[in-house]
Amino acid sequence: MPLPRDVLDRALLELNGPFQEAERLSVVSYEPHRFVLRVPPALTLPAEACIDERFSAIQYVLHFRDKVTTAIQGAEWQEDDHAYHVHYDVVEWD
């Protein structure tokens, strides 16, 4: 099942609600079967949060609310963007 862009945007809107603009997840690139999110550096997260929580929170929302399963394919620090870029694929089950 491809991931419609509006479904991804709605999930991000929900997850970004309590965070300031500089702390919000955002889309770097999007295709119906894969997307890349910009995740702010760990130093901008609340002390009780783990960066992994931000990486995987989008997966929980998409899976349980929208019935779309995703898998993290990797992440890297982008020095020029001063943020992590996390790569996700949409998983299609037979």
PDB file of N, CA and C in Angstrom:
ATOM      1  N   MET A   1       0.844  -1.178   0.000  1.00  0.00           N
ATOM      2  CA  MET A   1       0.000   0.000   0.000  1.00  0.00           C
ATOM      3  C   MET A   1       0.889   1.240   0.000  1.00  0.00           C
ATOM      4  N   PRO A   2       0.782   2.067  -0.988  1.00  0.00           N
ATOM      5  CA  PRO A   2       1.549   3.315  -0.979  1.00  0.00           C
ATOM      6  C   PRO A   2       1.056   4.244   0.126  1.00  0.00           C
ATOM      7  N   LEU A   3       1.921   5.119   0.534  1.00  0.00           N
ATOM      8  CA  LEU A   3       1.596   6.099   1.583  1.00  0.00           C
ATOM      9  C   LEU A   3       1.217   7.418   0.917  1.00  0.00           C
ATOM     10  N   PRO A   4      -0.045   7.811   0.999  1.00  0.00           N
ATOM     11  CA  PRO A   4      -0.431   9.113   0.445  1.00  0.00           C
ATOM     12  C   PRO A   4       0.252  10.252   1.219  1.00  0.00           C
ATOM     13  N   ARG A   5       0.628  11.292   0.522  1.00  0.00           N
ATOM     14  CA  ARG A   5       1.323  12.421   1.153  1.00  0.00           C
ATOM     15  C   ARG A   5       0.474  13.059   2.239  1.00  0.00           C
ATOM     16  N   ASP A   6      -0.823  13.166   2.034  1.00  0.00           N
ATOM     17  CA  ASP A   6      -1.668  13.801   3.054  1.00  0.00           C
ATOM     18  C   ASP A   6      -1.704  12.986   4.346  1.00  0.00           C
ATOM     19  N   VAL A   7      -1.566  11.666   4.252  1.00  0.00           N
ATOM     20  CA  VAL A   7      -1.528  10.819   5.450  1.00  0.00           C
ATOM     21  C   VAL A   7      -0.233  11.077   6.216  1.00  0.00           C
ATOM     22  N   LEU A   8       0.878  11.170   5.500  1.00  0.00           N
ATOM     23  CA  LEU A   8       2.161  11.487   6.144  1.00  0.00           C
ATOM     24  C   LEU A   8       2.098  12.871   6.790  1.00  0.00           C
ATOM     25  N   ASP A   9       1.577  13.841   6.080  1.00  0.00           N
ATOM     26  CA  ASP A   9       1.483  15.205   6.620  1.00  0.00           C
ATOM     27  C   ASP A   9       0.608  15.264   7.868  1.00  0.00           C
ATOM     28  N   ARG A  10      -0.493  14.519   7.873  1.00  0.00           N
ATOM     29  CA  ARG A  10      -1.384  14.489   9.042  1.00  0.00           C
ATOM     30  C   ARG A  10      -0.674  13.864  10.250  1.00  0.00           C
ATOM     31  N   ALA A  11       0.088  12.808  10.024  1.00  0.00           N
ATOM     32  CA  ALA A  11       0.838  12.171  11.109  1.00  0.00           C
ATOM     33  C   ALA A  11       1.891  13.130  11.664  1.00  0.00           C
ATOM     34  N   LEU A  12       2.573  13.838  10.792  1.00  0.00           N
ATOM     35  CA  LEU A  12       3.577  14.806  11.251  1.00  0.00           C
ATOM     36  C   LEU A  12       2.935  15.953  12.025  1.00  0.00           C
ATOM     37  N   LEU A  13       1.803  16.408  11.570  1.00  0.00           N
ATOM     38  CA  LEU A  13       1.091  17.478  12.274  1.00  0.00           C
ATOM     39  C   LEU A  13       0.765  17.044  13.703  1.00  0.00           C
ATOM     40  N   GLU A  14       0.312  15.820  13.851  1.00  0.00           N
ATOM     41  CA  GLU A  14      -0.009  15.275  15.178  1.00  0.00           C
ATOM     42  C   GLU A  14       1.247  15.179  16.055  1.00  0.00           C
ATOM     43  N   LEU A  15       2.320  14.641  15.499  1.00  0.00           N
ATOM     44  CA  LEU A  15       3.551  14.456  16.274  1.00  0.00           C
ATOM     45  C   LEU A  15       4.246  15.773  16.611  1.00  0.00           C
ATOM     46  N   ASN A  16       4.135  16.740  15.727  1.00  0.00           N
ATOM     47  CA  ASN A  16       4.832  18.010  15.922  1.00  0.00           C
ATOM     48  C   ASN A  16       4.097  18.965  16.853  1.00  0.00           C
ATOM     49  N   GLY A  17       2.862  18.664  17.181  1.00  0.00           N
ATOM     50  CA  GLY A  17       2.030  19.562  17.982  1.00  0.00           C
ATOM     51  C   GLY A  17       2.692  20.192  19.188  1.00  0.00           C
ATOM     52  N   PRO A  18       3.291  19.400  20.090  1.00  0.00           N
ATOM     53  CA  PRO A  18       3.837  19.987  21.311  1.00  0.00           C
ATOM     54  C   PRO A  18       5.228  20.611  21.153  1.00  0.00           C
ATOM     55  N   PHE A  19       5.816  20.548  19.978  1.00  0.00           N
ATOM     56  CA  PHE A  19       7.190  21.013  19.810  1.00  0.00           C
ATOM     57  C   PHE A  19       7.266  22.384  19.150  1.00  0.00           C
ATOM     58  N   GLN A  20       8.309  23.111  19.475  1.00  0.00           N
ATOM     59  CA  GLN A  20       8.591  24.395  18.840  1.00  0.00           C
ATOM     60  C   GLN A  20       9.023  24.149  17.391  1.00  0.00           C
ATOM     61  N   GLU A  21       8.953  25.156  16.556  1.00  0.00           N
ATOM     62  CA  GLU A  21       9.285  25.034  15.129  1.00  0.00           C
ATOM     63  C   GLU A  21      10.649  24.374  14.900  1.00  0.00           C
ATOM     64  N   ALA A  22      11.662  24.777  15.637  1.00  0.00           N
ATOM     65  CA  ALA A  22      13.020  24.247  15.447  1.00  0.00           C
ATOM     66  C   ALA A  22      13.161  22.794  15.882  1.00  0.00           C
ATOM     67  N   GLU A  23      12.170  22.266  16.595  1.00  0.00           N
ATOM     68  CA  GLU A  23      12.226  20.898  17.104  1.00  0.00           C
ATOM     69  C   GLU A  23      11.343  19.941  16.312  1.00  0.00           C
ATOM     70  N   ARG A  24      10.717  20.422  15.265  1.00  0.00           N
ATOM     71  CA  ARG A  24       9.731  19.613  14.548  1.00  0.00           C
ATOM     72  C   ARG A  24      10.362  18.736  13.469  1.00  0.00           C
ATOM     73  N   LEU A  25       9.745  17.572  13.290  1.00  0.00           N
ATOM     74  CA  LEU A  25      10.089  16.702  12.182  1.00  0.00           C
ATOM     75  C   LEU A  25       9.571  17.343  10.902  1.00  0.00           C
ATOM     76  N   SER A  26      10.303  17.157   9.794  1.00  0.00           N
ATOM     77  CA  SER A  26       9.825  17.679   8.515  1.00  0.00           C
ATOM     78  C   SER A  26      10.261  16.745   7.392  1.00  0.00           C
ATOM     79  N   VAL A  27       9.572  16.856   6.282  1.00  0.00           N
ATOM     80  CA  VAL A  27       9.846  15.997   5.132  1.00  0.00           C
ATOM     81  C   VAL A  27      10.979  16.589   4.305  1.00  0.00           C
ATOM     82  N   VAL A  28      12.008  15.770   4.062  1.00  0.00           N
ATOM     83  CA  VAL A  28      13.116  16.149   3.181  1.00  0.00           C
ATOM     84  C   VAL A  28      12.785  15.707   1.762  1.00  0.00           C
ATOM     85  N   SER A  29      12.285  14.469   1.625  1.00  0.00           N
ATOM     86  CA  SER A  29      11.855  13.970   0.321  1.00  0.00           C
ATOM     87  C   SER A  29      10.712  12.979   0.535  1.00  0.00           C
ATOM     88  N   TYR A  30       9.899  12.844  -0.515  1.00  0.00           N
ATOM     89  CA  TYR A  30       8.729  11.980  -0.420  1.00  0.00           C
ATOM     90  C   TYR A  30       8.480  11.290  -1.762  1.00  0.00           C
ATOM     91  N   GLU A  31       8.204  10.016  -1.686  1.00  0.00           N
ATOM     92  CA  GLU A  31       7.647   9.206  -2.766  1.00  0.00           C
ATOM     93  C   GLU A  31       6.626   8.300  -2.088  1.00  0.00           C
ATOM     94  N   PRO A  32       5.641   7.786  -2.802  1.00  0.00           N
ATOM     95  CA  PRO A  32       4.608   6.974  -2.158  1.00  0.00           C
ATOM     96  C   PRO A  32       5.125   5.723  -1.436  1.00  0.00           C
ATOM     97  N   HIS A  33       6.320   5.256  -1.788  1.00  0.00           N
ATOM     98  CA  HIS A  33       6.852   4.043  -1.162  1.00  0.00           C
ATOM     99  C   HIS A  33       8.082   4.305  -0.291  1.00  0.00           C
ATOM    100  N   ARG A  34       8.462   5.561  -0.176  1.00  0.00           N
ATOM    101  CA  ARG A  34       9.605   5.897   0.693  1.00  0.00           C
ATOM    102  C   ARG A  34       9.592   7.398   0.990  1.00  0.00           C
ATOM    103  N   PHE A  35      10.177   7.740   2.124  1.00  0.00           N
ATOM    104  CA  PHE A  35      10.290   9.155   2.471  1.00  0.00           C
ATOM    105  C   PHE A  35      11.486   9.345   3.394  1.00  0.00           C
ATOM    106  N   VAL A  36      11.952  10.577   3.458  1.00  0.00           N
ATOM    107  CA  VAL A  36      13.060  10.953   4.337  1.00  0.00           C
ATOM    108  C   VAL A  36      12.572  12.086   5.222  1.00  0.00           C
ATOM    109  N   LEU A  37      12.797  11.921   6.538  1.00  0.00           N
ATOM    110  CA  LEU A  37      12.423  12.966   7.479  1.00  0.00           C
ATOM    111  C   LEU A  37      13.655  13.642   8.045  1.00  0.00           C
ATOM    112  N   ARG A  38      13.518  14.931   8.270  1.00  0.00           N
ATOM    113  CA  ARG A  38      14.540  15.705   8.970  1.00  0.00           C
ATOM    114  C   ARG A  38      14.176  15.668  10.448  1.00  0.00           C
ATOM    115  N   VAL A  39      15.111  15.183  11.249  1.00  0.00           N
ATOM    116  CA  VAL A  39      14.908  15.094  12.695  1.00  0.00           C
ATOM    117  C   VAL A  39      15.923  16.022  13.358  1.00  0.00           C
ATOM    118  N   PRO A  40      15.482  16.970  14.162  1.00  0.00           N
ATOM    119  CA  PRO A  40      16.399  17.910  14.785  1.00  0.00           C
ATOM    120  C   PRO A  40      17.408  17.204  15.694  1.00  0.00           C
ATOM    121  N   PRO A  41      18.523  17.852  15.962  1.00  0.00           N
ATOM    122  CA  PRO A  41      19.549  17.240  16.800  1.00  0.00           C
ATOM    123  C   PRO A  41      19.050  16.923  18.208  1.00  0.00           C
ATOM    124  N   ALA A  42      19.655  15.913  18.815  1.00  0.00           N
ATOM    125  CA  ALA A  42      19.250  15.450  20.150  1.00  0.00           C
ATOM    126  C   ALA A  42      19.280  16.573  21.178  1.00  0.00           C
ATOM    127  N   LEU A  43      20.147  17.533  21.018  1.00  0.00           N
ATOM    128  CA  LEU A  43      20.254  18.613  22.002  1.00  0.00           C
ATOM    129  C   LEU A  43      19.006  19.478  22.060  1.00  0.00           C
ATOM    130  N   THR A  44      18.185  19.446  21.029  1.00  0.00           N
ATOM    131  CA  THR A  44      16.974  20.265  21.043  1.00  0.00           C
ATOM    132  C   THR A  44      15.791  19.513  21.629  1.00  0.00           C
ATOM    133  N   LEU A  45      15.982  18.231  21.939  1.00  0.00           N
ATOM    134  CA  LEU A  45      14.888  17.429  22.483  1.00  0.00           C
ATOM    135  C   LEU A  45      14.777  17.618  23.988  1.00  0.00           C
ATOM    136  N   PRO A  46      13.601  17.430  24.540  1.00  0.00           N
ATOM    137  CA  PRO A  46      13.460  17.489  25.991  1.00  0.00           C
ATOM    138  C   PRO A  46      14.342  16.434  26.656  1.00  0.00           C
ATOM    139  N   ALA A  47      14.797  16.716  27.854  1.00  0.00           N
ATOM    140  CA  ALA A  47      15.729  15.833  28.551  1.00  0.00           C
ATOM    141  C   ALA A  47      15.196  14.415  28.705  1.00  0.00           C
ATOM    142  N   GLU A  48      13.879  14.265  28.859  1.00  0.00           N
ATOM    143  CA  GLU A  48      13.319  12.929  29.077  1.00  0.00           C
ATOM    144  C   GLU A  48      13.119  12.152  27.773  1.00  0.00           C
ATOM    145  N   ALA A  49      13.330  12.788  26.649  1.00  0.00           N
ATOM    146  CA  ALA A  49      13.110  12.132  25.361  1.00  0.00           C
ATOM    147  C   ALA A  49      14.395  11.513  24.837  1.00  0.00           C
ATOM    148  N   CYS A  50      14.218  10.495  24.053  1.00  0.00           N
ATOM    149  CA  CYS A  50      15.322   9.826  23.382  1.00  0.00           C
ATOM    150  C   CYS A  50      15.179  10.102  21.892  1.00  0.00           C
ATOM    151  N   ILE A  51      16.283  10.327  21.197  1.00  0.00           N
ATOM    152  CA  ILE A  51      16.193  10.604  19.767  1.00  0.00           C
ATOM    153  C   ILE A  51      15.485   9.466  19.044  1.00  0.00           C
ATOM    154  N   ASP A  52      15.662   8.217  19.513  1.00  0.00           N
ATOM    155  CA  ASP A  52      14.985   7.079  18.899  1.00  0.00           C
ATOM    156  C   ASP A  52      13.470   7.206  18.974  1.00  0.00           C
ATOM    157  N   GLU A  53      12.972   7.830  20.007  1.00  0.00           N
ATOM    158  CA  GLU A  53      11.531   8.034  20.115  1.00  0.00           C
ATOM    159  C   GLU A  53      11.021   8.866  18.947  1.00  0.00           C
ATOM    160  N   ARG A  54      11.764   9.860  18.561  1.00  0.00           N
ATOM    161  CA  ARG A  54      11.347  10.721  17.451  1.00  0.00           C
ATOM    162  C   ARG A  54      11.463   9.981  16.121  1.00  0.00           C
ATOM    163  N   PHE A  55      12.491   9.126  15.994  1.00  0.00           N
ATOM    164  CA  PHE A  55      12.657   8.354  14.762  1.00  0.00           C
ATOM    165  C   PHE A  55      11.484   7.406  14.561  1.00  0.00           C
ATOM    166  N   SER A  56      11.048   6.771  15.644  1.00  0.00           N
ATOM    167  CA  SER A  56      10.055   5.706  15.518  1.00  0.00           C
ATOM    168  C   SER A  56       8.616   6.153  15.786  1.00  0.00           C
ATOM    169  N   ALA A  57       8.402   7.300  16.365  1.00  0.00           N
ATOM    170  CA  ALA A  57       7.042   7.747  16.680  1.00  0.00           C
ATOM    171  C   ALA A  57       6.176   7.825  15.424  1.00  0.00           C
ATOM    172  N   ILE A  58       6.748   8.289  14.337  1.00  0.00           N
ATOM    173  CA  ILE A  58       5.993   8.379  13.087  1.00  0.00           C
ATOM    174  C   ILE A  58       5.538   6.996  12.634  1.00  0.00           C
ATOM    175  N   GLN A  59       6.370   5.983  12.885  1.00  0.00           N
ATOM    176  CA  GLN A  59       6.018   4.619  12.492  1.00  0.00           C
ATOM    177  C   GLN A  59       4.801   4.119  13.263  1.00  0.00           C
ATOM    178  N   TYR A  60       4.744   4.398  14.547  1.00  0.00           N
ATOM    179  CA  TYR A  60       3.611   3.972  15.364  1.00  0.00           C
ATOM    180  C   TYR A  60       2.318   4.637  14.908  1.00  0.00           C
ATOM    181  N   VAL A  61       2.366   5.922  14.654  1.00  0.00           N
ATOM    182  CA  VAL A  61       1.164   6.634  14.217  1.00  0.00           C
ATOM    183  C   VAL A  61       0.685   6.082  12.876  1.00  0.00           C
ATOM    184  N   LEU A  62       1.593   5.947  11.928  1.00  0.00           N
ATOM    185  CA  LEU A  62       1.200   5.447  10.614  1.00  0.00           C
ATOM    186  C   LEU A  62       0.667   4.011  10.684  1.00  0.00           C
ATOM    187  N   HIS A  63       1.279   3.191  11.517  1.00  0.00           N
ATOM    188  CA  HIS A  63       0.876   1.792  11.599  1.00  0.00           C
ATOM    189  C   HIS A  63      -0.478   1.624  12.295  1.00  0.00           C
ATOM    190  N   PHE A  64      -0.616   2.203  13.464  1.00  0.00           N
ATOM    191  CA  PHE A  64      -1.822   1.959  14.252  1.00  0.00           C
ATOM    192  C   PHE A  64      -3.023   2.796  13.814  1.00  0.00           C
ATOM    193  N   ARG A  65      -2.791   3.994  13.344  1.00  0.00           N
ATOM    194  CA  ARG A  65      -3.923   4.819  12.928  1.00  0.00           C
ATOM    195  C   ARG A  65      -4.253   4.625  11.449  1.00  0.00           C
ATOM    196  N   ASP A  66      -3.204   4.565  10.616  1.00  0.00           N
ATOM    197  CA  ASP A  66      -3.418   4.572   9.170  1.00  0.00           C
ATOM    198  C   ASP A  66      -3.178   3.223   8.498  1.00  0.00           C
ATOM    199  N   LYS A  67      -2.764   2.218   9.294  1.00  0.00           N
ATOM    200  CA  LYS A  67      -2.542   0.856   8.769  1.00  0.00           C
ATOM    201  C   LYS A  67      -1.471   0.827   7.678  1.00  0.00           C
ATOM    202  N   VAL A  68      -0.454   1.687   7.817  1.00  0.00           N
ATOM    203  CA  VAL A  68       0.685   1.721   6.901  1.00  0.00           C
ATOM    204  C   VAL A  68       1.926   1.345   7.704  1.00  0.00           C
ATOM    205  N   THR A  69       2.595   0.291   7.276  1.00  0.00           N
ATOM    206  CA  THR A  69       3.796  -0.170   7.964  1.00  0.00           C
ATOM    207  C   THR A  69       5.021   0.399   7.267  1.00  0.00           C
ATOM    208  N   THR A  70       5.966   0.888   8.058  1.00  0.00           N
ATOM    209  CA  THR A  70       7.206   1.434   7.513  1.00  0.00           C
ATOM    210  C   THR A  70       8.399   0.787   8.195  1.00  0.00           C
ATOM    211  N   ALA A  71       9.550   0.885   7.545  1.00  0.00           N
ATOM    212  CA  ALA A  71      10.791   0.372   8.105  1.00  0.00           C
ATOM    213  C   ALA A  71      11.880   1.424   7.924  1.00  0.00           C
ATOM    214  N   ILE A  72      12.621   1.670   8.986  1.00  0.00           N
ATOM    215  CA  ILE A  72      13.745   2.600   8.892  1.00  0.00           C
ATOM    216  C   ILE A  72      14.861   1.914   8.117  1.00  0.00           C
ATOM    217  N   GLN A  73      15.360   2.591   7.097  1.00  0.00           N
ATOM    218  CA  GLN A  73      16.419   2.043   6.256  1.00  0.00           C
ATOM    219  C   GLN A  73      17.792   2.620   6.596  1.00  0.00           C
ATOM    220  N   GLY A  74      17.807   3.631   7.415  1.00  0.00           N
ATOM    221  CA  GLY A  74      19.070   4.227   7.810  1.00  0.00           C
ATOM    222  C   GLY A  74      18.869   5.674   8.203  1.00  0.00           C
ATOM    223  N   ALA A  75      19.901   6.224   8.801  1.00  0.00           N
ATOM    224  CA  ALA A  75      19.871   7.631   9.213  1.00  0.00           C
ATOM    225  C   ALA A  75      21.289   8.149   9.195  1.00  0.00           C
ATOM    226  N   GLU A  76      21.410   9.427   8.897  1.00  0.00           N
ATOM    227  CA  GLU A  76      22.735  10.025   8.942  1.00  0.00           C
ATOM    228  C   GLU A  76      22.626  11.482   9.365  1.00  0.00           C
ATOM    229  N   TRP A  77      23.685  11.936  10.000  1.00  0.00           N
ATOM    230  CA  TRP A  77      23.787  13.338  10.379  1.00  0.00           C
ATOM    231  C   TRP A  77      24.170  14.138   9.142  1.00  0.00           C
ATOM    232  N   GLN A  78      23.402  15.169   8.836  1.00  0.00           N
ATOM    233  CA  GLN A  78      23.690  16.055   7.711  1.00  0.00           C
ATOM    234  C   GLN A  78      24.273  17.345   8.272  1.00  0.00           C
ATOM    235  N   GLU A  79      25.560  17.470   8.170  1.00  0.00           N
ATOM    236  CA  GLU A  79      26.260  18.619   8.744  1.00  0.00           C
ATOM    237  C   GLU A  79      25.723  19.943   8.197  1.00  0.00           C
ATOM    238  N   ASP A  80      25.492  20.009   6.885  1.00  0.00           N
ATOM    239  CA  ASP A  80      25.025  21.263   6.284  1.00  0.00           C
ATOM    240  C   ASP A  80      23.612  21.643   6.736  1.00  0.00           C
ATOM    241  N   ASP A  81      22.835  20.654   7.155  1.00  0.00           N
ATOM    242  CA  ASP A  81      21.467  20.887   7.628  1.00  0.00           C
ATOM    243  C   ASP A  81      21.378  20.903   9.152  1.00  0.00           C
ATOM    244  N   HIS A  82      22.450  20.484   9.819  1.00  0.00           N
ATOM    245  CA  HIS A  82      22.496  20.386  11.285  1.00  0.00           C
ATOM    246  C   HIS A  82      21.323  19.573  11.828  1.00  0.00           C
ATOM    247  N   ALA A  83      21.081  18.426  11.198  1.00  0.00           N
ATOM    248  CA  ALA A  83      19.973  17.564  11.602  1.00  0.00           C
ATOM    249  C   ALA A  83      20.231  16.149  11.102  1.00  0.00           C
ATOM    250  N   TYR A  84      19.492  15.217  11.682  1.00  0.00           N
ATOM    251  CA  TYR A  84      19.512  13.847  11.187  1.00  0.00           C
ATOM    252  C   TYR A  84      18.514  13.727  10.042  1.00  0.00           C
ATOM    253  N   HIS A  85      18.872  12.941   9.035  1.00  0.00           N
ATOM    254  CA  HIS A  85      17.948  12.579   7.965  1.00  0.00           C
ATOM    255  C   HIS A  85      17.711  11.083   8.092  1.00  0.00           C
ATOM    256  N   VAL A  86      16.458  10.709   8.313  1.00  0.00           N
ATOM    257  CA  VAL A  86      16.095   9.314   8.533  1.00  0.00           C
ATOM    258  C   VAL A  86      15.301   8.830   7.322  1.00  0.00           C
ATOM    259  N   HIS A  87      15.729   7.697   6.773  1.00  0.00           N
ATOM    260  CA  HIS A  87      15.124   7.128   5.570  1.00  0.00           C
ATOM    261  C   HIS A  87      14.153   6.015   5.960  1.00  0.00           C
ATOM    262  N   TYR A  88      12.945   6.092   5.428  1.00  0.00           N
ATOM    263  CA  TYR A  88      11.890   5.111   5.701  1.00  0.00           C
ATOM    264  C   TYR A  88      11.394   4.525   4.383  1.00  0.00           C
ATOM    265  N   ASP A  89      11.122   3.229   4.379  1.00  0.00           N
ATOM    266  CA  ASP A  89      10.436   2.577   3.270  1.00  0.00           C
ATOM    267  C   ASP A  89       9.067   2.120   3.751  1.00  0.00           C
ATOM    268  N   VAL A  90       8.100   2.172   2.872  1.00  0.00           N
ATOM    269  CA  VAL A  90       6.785   1.610   3.165  1.00  0.00           C
ATOM    270  C   VAL A  90       6.865   0.113   2.883  1.00  0.00           C
ATOM    271  N   VAL A  91       6.425  -0.683   3.849  1.00  0.00           N
ATOM    272  CA  VAL A  91       6.484  -2.146   3.741  1.00  0.00           C
ATOM    273  C   VAL A  91       5.151  -2.634   3.195  1.00  0.00           C
ATOM    274  N   GLU A  92       5.218  -3.419   2.148  1.00  0.00           N
ATOM    275  CA  GLU A  92       4.013  -4.016   1.566  1.00  0.00           C
ATOM    276  C   GLU A  92       4.004  -5.486   1.930  1.00  0.00           C
ATOM    277  N   TRP A  93       2.950  -5.913   2.567  1.00  0.00           N
ATOM    278  CA  TRP A  93       2.821  -7.313   2.973  1.00  0.00           C
ATOM    279  C   TRP A  93       2.066  -8.089   1.914  1.00  0.00           C
ATOM    280  N   ASP A  94       2.513  -9.320   1.670  1.00  0.00           N
ATOM    281  CA  ASP A  94       1.814 -10.186   0.693  1.00  0.00           C
ATOM    282  C   ASP A  94       0.528 -10.712   1.276  1.00  0.00           C
TER     283      ASP A  94
END
